[in-house]
Amino acid sequence: MNTLQLLHKQWIPKLELASRLFLIVGLLLSFILAYTGVLELPIGALCSFGMAFLVDTVARISLFHFVKCPHCHKNLAKFKNGKNMPIKQVYSSFEKCLPCRHCGRAPS
């Protein structure tokens, strides 16, 4: 089982997926609206980039601040020295259900 599922935080990867979806759909919609003359292309593209950036920022903040060990309440997405782990390393450690770096307990 996945660490995010055990901690009931499986909505965080869905936010990252939603940011990509906002970018793709927003750009396609802005091209269509620019072609029909409803909205100018730069305004639509700026709105889609802004929305995708906003949702991705919320996902990153959620990942690095809300995923905590239930035993020691330290952040599971950070190293012992307090620096953020790379995203790929975070998700691979969550998939493997590795124990906490701070207290050594596995999420259960």
N, C-alpha and C. Protein backbone atom coordinates (compact mmCIF):
# COMPACT_ATOMS: atom_id res chain seq x y z
N MET A 1 0.84 -1.18 0.00
CA MET A 1 0.00 0.00 0.00
C MET A 1 0.88 1.24 0.00
N ASN A 2 0.40 2.29 -0.56
CA ASN A 2 1.11 3.54 -0.72
C ASN A 2 1.07 4.36 0.57
N THR A 3 2.15 5.09 0.87
CA THR A 3 2.19 5.92 2.07
C THR A 3 1.13 7.01 2.03
N LEU A 4 0.91 7.61 0.87
CA LEU A 4 -0.11 8.65 0.77
C LEU A 4 -1.51 8.10 1.03
N GLN A 5 -1.77 6.86 0.64
CA GLN A 5 -3.07 6.25 0.92
C GLN A 5 -3.21 5.97 2.41
N LEU A 6 -2.12 5.54 3.05
CA LEU A 6 -2.18 5.27 4.48
C LEU A 6 -2.42 6.54 5.29
N LEU A 7 -1.87 7.66 4.82
CA LEU A 7 -2.04 8.93 5.51
C LEU A 7 -3.24 9.73 5.02
N HIS A 8 -4.00 9.16 4.08
CA HIS A 8 -5.19 9.79 3.48
C HIS A 8 -4.83 11.12 2.81
N LYS A 9 -3.73 11.12 2.08
CA LYS A 9 -3.28 12.30 1.33
C LYS A 9 -3.15 12.00 -0.16
N GLN A 10 -3.95 11.07 -0.68
CA GLN A 10 -3.83 10.69 -2.08
C GLN A 10 -4.34 11.78 -3.03
N TRP A 11 -4.86 12.87 -2.49
CA TRP A 11 -5.32 13.97 -3.32
C TRP A 11 -4.16 14.83 -3.82
N ILE A 12 -2.98 14.72 -3.23
CA ILE A 12 -1.86 15.57 -3.63
C ILE A 12 -1.36 15.24 -5.04
N PRO A 13 -1.13 13.97 -5.42
CA PRO A 13 -0.74 13.71 -6.81
C PRO A 13 -1.84 14.06 -7.81
N LYS A 14 -3.09 13.99 -7.37
CA LYS A 14 -4.19 14.38 -8.26
C LYS A 14 -4.17 15.88 -8.54
N LEU A 15 -3.71 16.67 -7.57
CA LEU A 15 -3.56 18.11 -7.81
C LEU A 15 -2.50 18.39 -8.86
N GLU A 16 -1.40 17.66 -8.82
CA GLU A 16 -0.36 17.85 -9.84
C GLU A 16 -0.87 17.45 -11.22
N LEU A 17 -1.65 16.39 -11.27
CA LEU A 17 -2.26 15.99 -12.54
C LEU A 17 -3.25 17.04 -13.02
N ALA A 18 -3.99 17.63 -12.09
CA ALA A 18 -4.96 18.67 -12.45
C ALA A 18 -4.26 19.91 -13.00
N SER A 19 -3.08 20.23 -12.49
CA SER A 19 -2.37 21.40 -13.01
C SER A 19 -1.96 21.19 -14.46
N ARG A 20 -1.51 19.98 -14.79
CA ARG A 20 -1.17 19.68 -16.18
C ARG A 20 -2.42 19.72 -17.06
N LEU A 21 -3.51 19.23 -16.52
CA LEU A 21 -4.77 19.23 -17.27
C LEU A 21 -5.26 20.65 -17.51
N PHE A 22 -5.14 21.52 -16.50
CA PHE A 22 -5.52 22.92 -16.67
C PHE A 22 -4.69 23.58 -17.76
N LEU A 23 -3.41 23.26 -17.82
CA LEU A 23 -2.54 23.86 -18.82
C LEU A 23 -2.94 23.41 -20.23
N ILE A 24 -3.12 22.13 -20.43
CA ILE A 24 -3.44 21.62 -21.76
C ILE A 24 -4.81 22.09 -22.22
N VAL A 25 -5.81 21.90 -21.37
CA VAL A 25 -7.18 22.29 -21.74
C VAL A 25 -7.28 23.81 -21.89
N GLY A 26 -6.60 24.54 -21.00
CA GLY A 26 -6.65 26.00 -21.09
C GLY A 26 -6.02 26.53 -22.36
N LEU A 27 -4.91 25.95 -22.79
CA LEU A 27 -4.29 26.39 -24.04
C LEU A 27 -5.15 26.05 -25.24
N LEU A 28 -5.71 24.84 -25.24
CA LEU A 28 -6.61 24.48 -26.35
C LEU A 28 -7.82 25.39 -26.39
N LEU A 29 -8.40 25.67 -25.23
CA LEU A 29 -9.56 26.55 -25.18
C LEU A 29 -9.20 27.97 -25.59
N SER A 30 -8.02 28.44 -25.22
CA SER A 30 -7.63 29.80 -25.62
C SER A 30 -7.39 29.88 -27.13
N PHE A 31 -6.86 28.81 -27.73
CA PHE A 31 -6.72 28.80 -29.19
C PHE A 31 -8.09 28.83 -29.88
N ILE A 32 -9.02 28.07 -29.36
CA ILE A 32 -10.37 28.05 -29.95
C ILE A 32 -11.05 29.40 -29.78
N LEU A 33 -10.94 29.99 -28.60
CA LEU A 33 -11.55 31.30 -28.37
C LEU A 33 -10.87 32.40 -29.19
N ALA A 34 -9.59 32.29 -29.42
CA ALA A 34 -8.89 33.28 -30.26
C ALA A 34 -9.29 33.11 -31.72
N TYR A 35 -9.49 31.86 -32.15
CA TYR A 35 -9.89 31.61 -33.53
C TYR A 35 -11.29 32.13 -33.81
N THR A 36 -12.18 32.00 -32.84
CA THR A 36 -13.55 32.48 -33.03
C THR A 36 -13.69 33.97 -32.76
N GLY A 37 -12.66 34.60 -32.21
CA GLY A 37 -12.68 36.04 -31.99
C GLY A 37 -13.30 36.45 -30.67
N VAL A 38 -13.54 35.53 -29.77
CA VAL A 38 -14.15 35.85 -28.49
C VAL A 38 -13.12 36.46 -27.54
N LEU A 39 -11.91 35.91 -27.53
CA LEU A 39 -10.88 36.35 -26.60
C LEU A 39 -9.53 36.34 -27.31
N GLU A 40 -8.67 37.26 -26.95
CA GLU A 40 -7.36 37.30 -27.56
C GLU A 40 -6.49 36.16 -27.03
N LEU A 41 -5.61 35.65 -27.86
CA LEU A 41 -4.77 34.51 -27.50
C LEU A 41 -3.86 34.77 -26.31
N PRO A 42 -3.18 35.92 -26.22
CA PRO A 42 -2.30 36.12 -25.05
C PRO A 42 -3.05 36.14 -23.72
N ILE A 43 -4.26 36.67 -23.72
CA ILE A 43 -5.03 36.71 -22.47
C ILE A 43 -5.45 35.31 -22.06
N GLY A 44 -5.92 34.51 -22.99
CA GLY A 44 -6.30 33.14 -22.68
C GLY A 44 -5.13 32.28 -22.26
N ALA A 45 -3.99 32.45 -22.95
CA ALA A 45 -2.80 31.69 -22.59
C ALA A 45 -2.29 32.10 -21.22
N LEU A 46 -2.32 33.38 -20.91
CA LEU A 46 -1.89 33.85 -19.60
C LEU A 46 -2.79 33.30 -18.49
N CYS A 47 -4.08 33.25 -18.73
CA CYS A 47 -5.00 32.69 -17.73
C CYS A 47 -4.73 31.20 -17.52
N SER A 48 -4.49 30.46 -18.60
CA SER A 48 -4.26 29.02 -18.44
C SER A 48 -2.91 28.76 -17.76
N PHE A 49 -1.87 29.52 -18.11
CA PHE A 49 -0.58 29.37 -17.43
C PHE A 49 -0.69 29.74 -15.95
N GLY A 50 -1.41 30.81 -15.67
CA GLY A 50 -1.58 31.24 -14.29
C GLY A 50 -2.33 30.22 -13.44
N MET A 51 -3.40 29.67 -13.99
CA MET A 51 -4.17 28.67 -13.25
C MET A 51 -3.36 27.39 -13.02
N ALA A 52 -2.62 26.96 -14.04
CA ALA A 52 -1.79 25.76 -13.89
C ALA A 52 -0.69 26.00 -12.87
N PHE A 53 -0.08 27.18 -12.89
CA PHE A 53 0.97 27.50 -11.92
C PHE A 53 0.41 27.55 -10.51
N LEU A 54 -0.76 28.12 -10.34
CA LEU A 54 -1.38 28.22 -9.03
C LEU A 54 -1.69 26.84 -8.44
N VAL A 55 -2.28 25.96 -9.25
CA VAL A 55 -2.63 24.63 -8.77
C VAL A 55 -1.37 23.81 -8.49
N ASP A 56 -0.34 23.95 -9.32
CA ASP A 56 0.91 23.23 -9.09
C ASP A 56 1.61 23.73 -7.82
N THR A 57 1.56 25.02 -7.57
CA THR A 57 2.14 25.57 -6.36
C THR A 57 1.42 25.06 -5.11
N VAL A 58 0.10 24.97 -5.17
CA VAL A 58 -0.66 24.43 -4.05
C VAL A 58 -0.30 22.96 -3.83
N ALA A 59 -0.09 22.21 -4.91
CA ALA A 59 0.29 20.80 -4.78
C ALA A 59 1.68 20.66 -4.16
N ARG A 60 2.63 21.48 -4.56
CA ARG A 60 3.98 21.42 -3.99
C ARG A 60 3.99 21.81 -2.52
N ILE A 61 3.26 22.87 -2.18
CA ILE A 61 3.18 23.29 -0.78
C ILE A 61 2.52 22.20 0.06
N SER A 62 1.49 21.58 -0.47
CA SER A 62 0.82 20.51 0.25
C SER A 62 1.74 19.32 0.45
N LEU A 63 2.52 18.98 -0.55
CA LEU A 63 3.43 17.84 -0.45
C LEU A 63 4.51 18.08 0.59
N PHE A 64 5.07 19.27 0.61
CA PHE A 64 6.20 19.53 1.49
C PHE A 64 5.80 20.06 2.87
N HIS A 65 4.52 20.27 3.13
CA HIS A 65 4.11 20.78 4.43
C HIS A 65 3.05 19.94 5.13
N PHE A 66 2.26 19.16 4.40
CA PHE A 66 1.14 18.45 5.02
C PHE A 66 1.35 16.95 5.17
N VAL A 67 2.38 16.37 4.57
CA VAL A 67 2.62 14.93 4.68
C VAL A 67 3.60 14.72 5.83
N LYS A 68 3.05 14.33 6.98
CA LYS A 68 3.87 14.19 8.19
C LYS A 68 3.75 12.79 8.77
N CYS A 69 4.77 12.39 9.47
CA CYS A 69 4.79 11.10 10.15
C CYS A 69 3.76 11.12 11.27
N PRO A 70 2.93 10.08 11.38
CA PRO A 70 1.92 10.10 12.44
C PRO A 70 2.52 9.89 13.84
N HIS A 71 3.75 9.45 13.92
CA HIS A 71 4.37 9.18 15.23
C HIS A 71 5.18 10.36 15.74
N CYS A 72 6.11 10.87 14.92
CA CYS A 72 6.98 11.96 15.39
C CYS A 72 6.57 13.33 14.84
N HIS A 73 5.61 13.36 13.93
CA HIS A 73 5.07 14.59 13.32
C HIS A 73 6.12 15.39 12.55
N LYS A 74 7.15 14.71 12.05
CA LYS A 74 8.14 15.35 11.17
C LYS A 74 7.69 15.13 9.73
N ASN A 75 8.15 15.99 8.85
CA ASN A 75 7.75 15.93 7.45
C ASN A 75 8.43 14.76 6.75
N LEU A 76 7.66 13.94 6.05
CA LEU A 76 8.20 12.78 5.34
C LEU A 76 8.84 13.15 4.01
N ALA A 77 8.62 14.36 3.51
CA ALA A 77 9.16 14.77 2.22
C ALA A 77 10.40 15.63 2.36
N LYS A 78 11.01 15.60 3.53
CA LYS A 78 12.22 16.39 3.76
C LYS A 78 13.31 15.49 4.33
N PHE A 79 14.55 15.88 4.07
CA PHE A 79 15.69 15.19 4.64
C PHE A 79 15.81 15.56 6.12
N LYS A 80 16.75 14.90 6.82
CA LYS A 80 16.95 15.19 8.24
C LYS A 80 17.44 16.61 8.48
N ASN A 81 18.17 17.16 7.51
CA ASN A 81 18.69 18.52 7.67
C ASN A 81 17.65 19.59 7.33
N GLY A 82 16.45 19.19 6.92
CA GLY A 82 15.36 20.13 6.66
C GLY A 82 15.18 20.53 5.21
N LYS A 83 16.06 20.06 4.33
CA LYS A 83 15.92 20.41 2.92
C LYS A 83 14.89 19.51 2.25
N ASN A 84 14.22 20.05 1.24
CA ASN A 84 13.23 19.29 0.50
C ASN A 84 13.89 18.21 -0.34
N MET A 85 13.24 17.05 -0.39
CA MET A 85 13.72 15.96 -1.23
C MET A 85 13.30 16.24 -2.68
N PRO A 86 14.03 15.71 -3.66
CA PRO A 86 13.56 15.81 -5.04
C PRO A 86 12.22 15.08 -5.21
N ILE A 87 11.40 15.58 -6.10
CA ILE A 87 10.03 15.06 -6.27
C ILE A 87 10.03 13.58 -6.62
N LYS A 88 10.89 13.16 -7.53
CA LYS A 88 10.92 11.74 -7.92
C LYS A 88 11.30 10.85 -6.73
N GLN A 89 12.22 11.32 -5.92
CA GLN A 89 12.63 10.55 -4.75
C GLN A 89 11.50 10.50 -3.71
N VAL A 90 10.76 11.57 -3.58
CA VAL A 90 9.64 11.59 -2.63
C VAL A 90 8.60 10.55 -3.04
N TYR A 91 8.19 10.58 -4.30
CA TYR A 91 7.14 9.66 -4.74
C TYR A 91 7.61 8.21 -4.77
N SER A 92 8.89 7.97 -5.07
CA SER A 92 9.37 6.58 -5.04
C SER A 92 9.44 6.06 -3.60
N SER A 93 9.81 6.92 -2.64
CA SER A 93 9.82 6.47 -1.25
C SER A 93 8.40 6.27 -0.73
N PHE A 94 7.45 7.06 -1.21
CA PHE A 94 6.06 6.86 -0.82
C PHE A 94 5.49 5.58 -1.40
N GLU A 95 5.87 5.25 -2.65
CA GLU A 95 5.38 4.01 -3.26
C GLU A 95 5.94 2.78 -2.55
N LYS A 96 7.21 2.87 -2.10
CA LYS A 96 7.84 1.73 -1.42
C LYS A 96 7.44 1.66 0.05
N CYS A 97 6.75 2.69 0.54
CA CYS A 97 6.31 2.75 1.94
C CYS A 97 7.51 2.67 2.89
N LEU A 98 8.55 3.46 2.59
CA LEU A 98 9.75 3.47 3.41
C LEU A 98 9.47 4.09 4.78
N PRO A 99 10.21 3.69 5.80
CA PRO A 99 9.98 4.26 7.14
C PRO A 99 10.44 5.72 7.22
N CYS A 100 10.01 6.37 8.26
CA CYS A 100 10.35 7.78 8.50
C CYS A 100 11.85 7.92 8.69
N ARG A 101 12.44 8.97 8.13
CA ARG A 101 13.87 9.21 8.28
C ARG A 101 14.22 9.71 9.67
N HIS A 102 13.24 10.25 10.37
CA HIS A 102 13.49 10.86 11.67
C HIS A 102 13.35 9.87 12.82
N CYS A 103 12.26 9.10 12.83
CA CYS A 103 12.03 8.17 13.95
C CYS A 103 12.18 6.70 13.57
N GLY A 104 12.18 6.39 12.27
CA GLY A 104 12.39 5.01 11.82
C GLY A 104 11.15 4.15 11.77
N ARG A 105 10.00 4.70 12.10
CA ARG A 105 8.76 3.93 12.07
C ARG A 105 8.13 3.98 10.68
N ALA A 106 7.62 2.84 10.25
CA ALA A 106 6.93 2.78 8.97
C ALA A 106 5.48 3.22 9.17
N PRO A 107 4.91 3.95 8.22
CA PRO A 107 3.51 4.35 8.36
C PRO A 107 2.60 3.14 8.34
N SER A 108 1.64 3.13 9.23
CA SER A 108 0.72 2.01 9.29
C SER A 108 -0.71 2.47 9.43
